[in-house]
């Protein structure tokens, strides 16, 4: 058994991409569901975006080839946490209570182009938040939507939950989609490794069929095990707050090196309450956003605020109107000018910077008439 553990460690360390770490989980605490998510990244900067309902959109284009970009009108408003650009969220929740988050997955391979309309991998979550209320709707969307592979080969898997008490993980491996929903998901958590592998490894550890102690450490399977172990140990009669319980799980799963944490964001989506709680870096006090007090009508501008804003407490009032300069700041985090192909990189950057200018409010159409 010790030899097996040594081999597992070697395999993980040989794959540096897995060190880009995130953790997601679902907790149904006294029938008050929450979804928790950690962003473990080299940079803690980013933006919180209020996305409006009733907006006509066409998916971000790809000038390399015609990949049939999807087009839709957003049915629901949402609040998202964006590392890279407007409409390219890492996670978020819509006004109907659908919550989601992203984790990089190195072995992702999306399906080859077919007749289905496509979206960019980072826009997949925004499409789901714009259009759906339940996990089942997300899973059914595969019939009419596919994710466009990236030129860099980067991929991700996606975690969802809803007000009906359902959760699901969506992965794309070897060109096929794999889904795990409430009934087929014995451990309701996900990290930067495929779900089946994590389950196989878990069987070697105490509480999951094996004898080894649940490990400390930052490797994906270690965070998977600690998160799963914490979820099993939570006693709703002692832990009265679902939000506090979720933050305790996120702290256990945090990516730490000595006394420094590389977990930049800890986010808890309180699904039934319509509130989002979050902490950045080593911040001790959680801030919150009350979605019930937000105007999601597209007759007013998209709202945005920097996640590292110094204000405390209720965050709904801290937003400003979205503009091109703000989006440029976000998009530039994604692209660095390639000295060997500077013109190509600059064109891609400008296309994403200008992308929100293509949005059109359907309510404004009716007012014009």
Protein backbone atom coordinates (compact mmCIF):
# COMPACT_ATOMS: atom_id res chain seq x y z
CA UNK A 1 0.00 0.00 0.00
CA UNK A 2 2.86 2.39 0.76
CA UNK A 3 4.26 1.76 -2.73
CA UNK A 4 0.86 2.66 -4.17
CA UNK A 5 0.83 5.99 -2.36
CA UNK A 6 4.36 6.79 -3.55
CA UNK A 7 3.33 6.12 -7.15
CA UNK A 8 0.26 8.39 -6.76
CA UNK A 9 2.44 11.25 -5.49
CA UNK A 10 4.94 10.84 -8.34
CA UNK A 11 2.20 10.85 -10.99
CA UNK A 12 0.69 14.05 -9.63
CA UNK A 13 3.99 15.90 -9.34
CA UNK A 14 4.85 15.00 -12.94
CA UNK A 15 1.79 16.98 -14.06
CA UNK A 16 2.30 20.63 -13.02
CA UNK A 17 -1.05 21.82 -14.40
CA UNK A 18 -2.80 20.05 -11.54
CA UNK A 19 -1.20 22.57 -9.17
CA UNK A 20 -3.61 25.18 -10.58
CA UNK A 21 -6.11 24.22 -7.94
CA UNK A 22 -9.78 24.76 -7.26
CA UNK A 23 -12.33 22.91 -5.14
CA UNK A 24 -16.14 22.82 -5.39
CA UNK A 25 -18.75 21.04 -3.28
CA UNK A 26 -22.45 20.84 -2.46
CA UNK A 27 -23.85 20.76 1.08
CA UNK A 28 -27.53 20.28 1.89
CA UNK A 29 -27.56 21.57 5.46
CA UNK A 30 -30.95 21.14 7.14
CA UNK A 31 -32.50 21.25 3.65
CA UNK A 32 -30.83 24.65 3.12
CA UNK A 33 -28.46 23.93 0.22
CA UNK A 34 -25.21 25.79 -0.36
CA UNK A 35 -22.49 25.42 -2.94
CA UNK A 36 -18.95 26.24 -1.90
CA UNK A 37 -15.99 26.99 -4.16
CA UNK A 38 -12.32 27.89 -3.69
CA UNK A 39 -10.27 29.65 -6.33
CA UNK A 40 -6.60 28.73 -5.84
CA UNK A 41 -4.60 30.90 -8.20
CA UNK A 42 -1.47 33.01 -8.45
CA UNK A 43 -3.49 36.24 -8.52
CA UNK A 44 -6.43 37.25 -6.35
CA UNK A 45 -7.64 40.13 -8.49
CA UNK A 46 -10.92 39.91 -10.38
CA UNK A 47 -14.38 41.40 -10.78
CA UNK A 48 -17.90 40.75 -9.58
CA UNK A 49 -20.35 41.32 -12.43
CA UNK A 50 -24.12 41.87 -12.36
CA UNK A 51 -25.36 40.35 -15.63
CA UNK A 52 -28.78 41.43 -16.87
CA UNK A 53 -31.79 39.47 -18.09
CA UNK A 54 -33.33 40.15 -21.52
CA UNK A 55 -30.00 40.61 -23.32
CA UNK A 56 -29.49 39.34 -26.87
CA UNK A 57 -26.07 37.69 -27.19
CA UNK A 58 -24.04 35.74 -29.71
CA UNK A 59 -21.18 33.64 -28.35
CA UNK A 60 -17.65 34.98 -28.56
CA UNK A 61 -16.47 34.39 -32.13
CA UNK A 62 -13.39 32.50 -33.26
CA UNK A 63 -11.75 34.03 -36.37
CA UNK A 64 -9.82 30.83 -37.10
CA UNK A 65 -12.87 29.05 -38.53
CA UNK A 66 -16.63 29.12 -38.67
CA UNK A 67 -17.72 27.25 -35.54
CA UNK A 68 -21.39 28.20 -35.57
CA UNK A 69 -21.48 30.48 -32.49
CA UNK A 70 -24.57 30.06 -30.30
CA UNK A 71 -27.08 32.90 -29.99
CA UNK A 72 -29.58 33.45 -27.17
CA UNK A 73 -31.45 36.00 -25.06
CA UNK A 74 -30.74 35.82 -21.34
CA UNK A 75 -33.81 34.77 -19.35
CA UNK A 76 -32.29 35.35 -15.91
CA UNK A 77 -30.02 37.87 -14.29
CA UNK A 78 -26.94 36.65 -12.44
CA UNK A 79 -24.01 37.67 -10.29
CA UNK A 80 -20.70 36.20 -11.40
CA UNK A 81 -17.08 36.19 -10.30
CA UNK A 82 -14.87 36.87 -13.31
CA UNK A 83 -11.15 36.46 -13.60
CA UNK A 84 -11.16 37.12 -17.36
CA UNK A 85 -13.55 39.52 -19.03
CA UNK A 86 -17.28 40.15 -19.17
CA UNK A 87 -19.41 37.04 -19.87
CA UNK A 88 -16.45 34.74 -19.12
CA UNK A 89 -17.10 33.81 -15.47
CA UNK A 90 -15.28 31.44 -13.13
CA UNK A 91 -18.47 30.96 -11.11
CA UNK A 92 -21.73 32.57 -10.09
CA UNK A 93 -25.43 32.24 -9.33
CA UNK A 94 -28.55 33.43 -11.13
CA UNK A 95 -31.74 34.88 -9.68
CA UNK A 96 -33.49 31.49 -10.02
CA UNK A 97 -30.95 29.83 -7.71
CA UNK A 98 -28.74 27.97 -10.21
CA UNK A 99 -25.16 28.10 -8.89
CA UNK A 100 -21.97 27.03 -10.65
CA UNK A 101 -18.18 27.04 -10.47
CA UNK A 102 -15.22 25.97 -12.61
CA UNK A 103 -12.15 23.83 -12.00
CA UNK A 104 -9.34 23.44 -14.52
CA UNK A 105 -8.92 19.86 -15.68
CA UNK A 106 -5.77 19.13 -17.63
CA UNK A 107 -7.02 16.03 -19.43
CA UNK A 108 -10.17 17.69 -20.78
CA UNK A 109 -10.91 16.99 -24.42
CA UNK A 110 -14.09 18.50 -25.83
CA UNK A 111 -16.03 16.94 -28.68
CA UNK A 112 -15.08 17.65 -32.28
CA UNK A 113 -17.11 20.28 -34.20
CA UNK A 114 -20.58 19.18 -35.25
CA UNK A 115 -23.87 20.81 -36.17
CA UNK A 116 -24.58 22.12 -32.65
CA UNK A 117 -23.97 25.81 -31.94
CA UNK A 118 -20.85 26.40 -29.84
CA UNK A 119 -19.64 28.56 -26.96
CA UNK A 120 -16.12 29.30 -25.73
CA UNK A 121 -15.19 27.17 -22.70
CA UNK A 122 -15.19 30.20 -20.37
CA UNK A 123 -18.62 31.29 -21.65
CA UNK A 124 -20.27 27.92 -20.96
CA UNK A 125 -21.21 28.90 -17.40
CA UNK A 126 -22.66 32.25 -18.47
CA UNK A 127 -24.83 30.49 -21.05
CA UNK A 128 -26.19 28.17 -18.35
CA UNK A 129 -26.85 31.02 -15.91
CA UNK A 130 -28.57 33.05 -18.63
CA UNK A 131 -30.88 30.25 -19.71
CA UNK A 132 -31.55 27.70 -16.96
CA UNK A 133 -33.01 27.32 -13.48
CA UNK A 134 -32.19 23.70 -12.63
CA UNK A 135 -29.38 21.18 -12.90
CA UNK A 136 -31.54 18.97 -15.15
CA UNK A 137 -31.83 21.86 -17.63
CA UNK A 138 -28.05 22.21 -17.69
CA UNK A 139 -27.57 18.52 -18.44
CA UNK A 140 -30.24 18.61 -21.16
CA UNK A 141 -28.52 21.56 -22.89
CA UNK A 142 -25.93 19.21 -24.36
CA UNK A 143 -28.43 18.35 -27.07
CA UNK A 144 -28.28 21.86 -28.51
CA UNK A 145 -24.91 23.19 -27.35
CA UNK A 146 -21.27 22.20 -27.39
CA UNK A 147 -18.10 23.75 -25.99
CA UNK A 148 -15.54 24.99 -28.48
CA UNK A 149 -12.02 23.60 -27.90
CA UNK A 150 -9.39 26.23 -27.18
CA UNK A 151 -6.25 26.72 -29.26
CA UNK A 152 -4.15 26.29 -26.09
CA UNK A 153 -5.82 22.99 -25.22
CA UNK A 154 -6.91 24.35 -21.81
CA UNK A 155 -10.04 22.71 -20.42
CA UNK A 156 -12.21 22.56 -17.34
CA UNK A 157 -15.01 20.70 -15.64
CA UNK A 158 -18.05 22.36 -14.12
CA UNK A 159 -20.02 22.01 -10.88
CA UNK A 160 -23.73 23.00 -10.62
CA UNK A 161 -26.44 23.03 -7.95
CA UNK A 162 -30.01 24.33 -7.67
CA UNK A 163 -32.90 25.09 -5.31
CA UNK A 164 -34.44 21.64 -5.74
CA UNK A 165 -31.52 20.07 -3.92
CA UNK A 166 -29.78 18.75 -7.02
CA UNK A 167 -26.11 19.01 -7.93
CA UNK A 168 -24.02 17.77 -10.84
CA UNK A 169 -20.49 17.64 -12.21
CA UNK A 170 -19.93 17.90 -15.98
CA UNK A 171 -16.64 16.63 -17.47
CA UNK A 172 -15.38 16.22 -21.03
CA UNK A 173 -12.88 13.41 -21.54
CA UNK A 174 -11.68 11.82 -24.77
CA UNK A 175 -14.18 13.87 -26.74
CA UNK A 176 -17.17 12.65 -24.70
CA UNK A 177 -19.27 14.24 -21.98
CA UNK A 178 -19.44 12.56 -18.57
CA UNK A 179 -21.98 13.71 -16.00
CA UNK A 180 -22.42 12.89 -12.32
CA UNK A 181 -25.62 14.04 -10.66
CA UNK A 182 -27.05 13.64 -7.19
CA UNK A 183 -27.93 9.95 -7.52
CA UNK A 184 -24.63 8.98 -9.21
CA UNK A 185 -22.44 11.22 -7.06
CA UNK A 186 -21.63 9.50 -3.74
CA UNK A 187 -19.16 12.27 -2.86
CA UNK A 188 -20.53 15.71 -3.74
CA UNK A 189 -17.26 17.47 -4.37
CA UNK A 190 -14.82 17.99 -7.23
CA UNK A 191 -11.21 19.12 -7.66
CA UNK A 192 -8.70 19.36 -10.53
CA UNK A 193 -8.86 15.68 -11.38
CA UNK A 194 -11.47 13.52 -13.02
CA UNK A 195 -14.15 12.29 -10.68
CA UNK A 196 -13.76 8.54 -11.22
CA UNK A 197 -10.04 8.66 -10.41
CA UNK A 198 -10.71 10.56 -7.20
CA UNK A 199 -13.26 7.95 -6.14
CA UNK A 200 -10.80 5.11 -6.83
CA UNK A 201 -8.09 6.77 -4.77
CA UNK A 202 -10.53 7.55 -1.94
CA UNK A 203 -11.15 3.82 -1.41
CA UNK A 204 -7.65 3.51 0.08
CA UNK A 205 -8.44 5.95 2.91
CA UNK A 206 -10.21 5.70 6.25
CA UNK A 207 -13.89 6.48 6.03
CA UNK A 208 -14.06 5.53 2.36
CA UNK A 209 -13.19 1.83 2.56
CA UNK A 210 -9.44 1.93 3.28
CA UNK A 211 -7.07 2.27 6.21
CA UNK A 212 -4.88 5.29 5.45
CA UNK A 213 -5.51 8.53 7.32
CA UNK A 214 -7.05 11.38 5.33
CA UNK A 215 -3.98 13.38 4.18
CA UNK A 216 -2.95 16.99 4.44
CA UNK A 217 -1.40 18.58 1.36
CA UNK A 218 -2.41 20.43 -1.78
CA UNK A 219 -2.58 17.70 -4.41
CA UNK A 220 -6.05 17.32 -5.94
CA UNK A 221 -6.90 13.95 -4.41
CA UNK A 222 -5.81 15.25 -0.98
CA UNK A 223 -8.19 18.20 -1.21
CA UNK A 224 -10.90 15.87 -2.52
CA UNK A 225 -10.50 13.59 0.49
CA UNK A 226 -10.39 16.40 3.05
CA UNK A 227 -13.48 18.04 1.56
CA UNK A 228 -15.38 14.74 1.43
CA UNK A 229 -14.34 13.94 5.00
CA UNK A 230 -15.47 17.36 6.26
CA UNK A 231 -18.84 17.03 4.51
CA UNK A 232 -19.39 13.68 6.24
CA UNK A 233 -18.47 15.09 9.65
CA UNK A 234 -20.74 18.13 9.64
CA UNK A 235 -23.46 17.76 12.26
CA UNK A 236 -26.37 20.11 11.45
CA UNK A 237 -27.46 20.04 15.09
CA UNK A 238 -24.12 21.50 16.19
CA UNK A 239 -23.30 23.59 13.11
CA UNK A 240 -26.36 25.85 13.01
CA UNK A 241 -25.35 28.00 10.02
CA UNK A 242 -25.11 26.46 6.55
CA UNK A 243 -22.85 29.33 5.47
CA UNK A 244 -20.46 28.87 8.43
CA UNK A 245 -20.34 25.12 7.77
CA UNK A 246 -19.49 25.74 4.12
CA UNK A 247 -16.70 28.19 4.99
CA UNK A 248 -15.24 25.60 7.38
CA UNK A 249 -15.09 23.10 4.52
CA UNK A 250 -13.48 25.67 2.23
CA UNK A 251 -10.84 26.43 4.85
CA UNK A 252 -10.02 22.73 5.14
CA UNK A 253 -9.63 22.48 1.35
CA UNK A 254 -7.53 25.65 1.01
CA UNK A 255 -4.24 25.49 -0.87
CA UNK A 256 -1.56 26.38 1.68
CA UNK A 257 2.22 26.54 1.61
CA UNK A 258 3.77 26.95 5.07
CA UNK A 259 1.81 29.88 6.53
CA UNK A 260 0.80 31.36 3.20
CA UNK A 261 -2.49 30.57 1.49
CA UNK A 262 -2.82 30.49 -2.29
CA UNK A 263 -6.59 30.26 -2.05
CA UNK A 264 -7.58 33.65 -3.40
CA UNK A 265 -11.38 33.43 -3.20
CA UNK A 266 -13.69 31.45 -0.90
CA UNK A 267 -17.28 31.71 -2.11
CA UNK A 268 -20.50 30.30 -0.67
CA UNK A 269 -23.70 30.40 -2.72
CA UNK A 270 -26.63 30.35 -0.28
CA UNK A 271 -29.07 29.10 -2.87
CA UNK A 272 -32.48 29.40 -1.19
CA UNK A 273 -31.69 32.73 0.45
CA UNK A 274 -30.44 34.28 -2.80
CA UNK A 275 -27.24 35.46 -1.13
CA UNK A 276 -23.59 35.08 -2.05
CA UNK A 277 -20.95 35.18 0.67
CA UNK A 278 -17.26 35.53 -0.08
CA UNK A 279 -13.82 36.09 1.39
CA UNK A 280 -10.64 37.09 -0.42
CA UNK A 281 -7.11 36.09 0.59
CA UNK A 282 -6.73 35.98 4.36
CA UNK A 283 -9.79 38.13 4.97
CA UNK A 284 -11.50 36.99 8.18
CA UNK A 285 -14.90 38.65 7.73
CA UNK A 286 -17.16 37.43 4.94
CA UNK A 287 -18.90 39.95 2.72
CA UNK A 288 -22.23 39.26 1.07
CA UNK A 289 -24.33 40.18 -1.93
CA UNK A 290 -28.12 40.07 -1.61
CA UNK A 291 -29.43 39.19 -5.06
CA UNK A 292 -32.98 40.01 -4.02
CA UNK A 293 -32.12 43.72 -3.93
CA UNK A 294 -30.52 43.87 -7.39
CA UNK A 295 -32.23 45.28 -10.47
CA UNK A 296 -31.53 42.76 -13.23
CA UNK A 297 -33.52 44.56 -15.96
CA UNK A 298 -31.37 45.25 -19.02
CA UNK A 299 -32.70 48.80 -19.35
CA UNK A 300 -29.92 49.76 -16.92
CA UNK A 301 -26.20 49.09 -17.55
CA UNK A 302 -24.28 45.98 -16.55
CA UNK A 303 -22.78 46.58 -13.10
CA UNK A 304 -19.29 45.64 -11.95
CA UNK A 305 -16.97 46.02 -8.98
CA UNK A 306 -13.47 44.89 -8.20
CA UNK A 307 -13.49 41.95 -5.82
CA UNK A 308 -10.68 43.50 -3.76
CA UNK A 309 -12.65 46.66 -3.06
CA UNK A 310 -11.91 47.80 0.52
CA UNK A 311 -15.57 48.26 1.54
CA UNK A 312 -17.12 45.84 4.01
CA UNK A 313 -20.52 44.34 4.66
CA UNK A 314 -23.38 44.55 2.18
CA UNK A 315 -21.90 44.72 -1.32
CA UNK A 316 -24.96 45.39 -3.48
CA UNK A 317 -24.43 49.15 -3.36
CA UNK A 318 -20.75 49.06 -4.28
CA UNK A 319 -21.15 48.49 -8.03
CA UNK A 320 -20.41 50.88 -10.88
CA UNK A 321 -21.53 50.94 -14.50
CA UNK A 322 -19.54 48.57 -16.67
CA UNK A 323 -17.37 50.13 -19.37
CA UNK A 324 -14.76 49.18 -21.95
CA UNK A 325 -11.84 50.23 -19.75
CA UNK A 326 -12.97 47.84 -17.02
CA UNK A 327 -13.32 44.99 -19.50
CA UNK A 328 -9.90 45.74 -20.96
CA UNK A 329 -8.38 45.40 -17.49
CA UNK A 330 -10.05 42.01 -17.08
CA UNK A 331 -9.21 40.69 -20.54
CA UNK A 332 -5.56 41.72 -20.33
CA UNK A 333 -5.20 39.28 -17.45
CA UNK A 334 -6.00 36.49 -19.92
CA UNK A 335 -3.73 37.57 -22.76
CA UNK A 336 -0.10 38.50 -22.78
CA UNK A 337 1.22 39.80 -26.10
CA UNK A 338 3.12 37.01 -27.88
CA UNK A 339 6.43 38.46 -29.19
CA UNK A 340 6.38 35.98 -32.06
CA UNK A 341 2.75 36.66 -33.08
CA UNK A 342 1.94 40.11 -31.62
CA UNK A 343 -0.70 41.06 -34.21
CA UNK A 344 -2.70 37.88 -33.72
CA UNK A 345 -2.69 38.20 -29.93
CA UNK A 346 -3.65 41.87 -30.07
CA UNK A 347 -6.60 41.09 -32.37
CA UNK A 348 -7.86 38.37 -30.03
CA UNK A 349 -7.57 40.74 -27.08
CA UNK A 350 -9.49 43.50 -28.85
CA UNK A 351 -12.23 41.08 -29.91
CA UNK A 352 -12.90 40.16 -26.26
CA UNK A 353 -12.59 43.75 -25.06
CA UNK A 354 -15.20 44.90 -27.61
CA UNK A 355 -17.41 41.83 -27.23
CA UNK A 356 -19.93 43.36 -24.74
CA UNK A 357 -20.68 46.06 -27.32
CA UNK A 358 -22.51 43.37 -29.31
CA UNK A 359 -25.10 42.87 -26.53
CA UNK A 360 -28.58 44.23 -27.18
CA UNK A 361 -31.35 44.72 -24.63
CA UNK A 362 -34.65 43.19 -25.79
CA UNK A 363 -36.59 45.54 -23.49
CA UNK A 364 -35.08 48.51 -25.28
CA UNK A 365 -36.37 47.06 -28.56
CA UNK A 366 -39.92 47.02 -27.18
CA UNK A 367 -39.57 50.57 -25.80
CA UNK A 368 -38.34 51.81 -29.19
CA UNK A 369 -41.46 50.38 -30.81
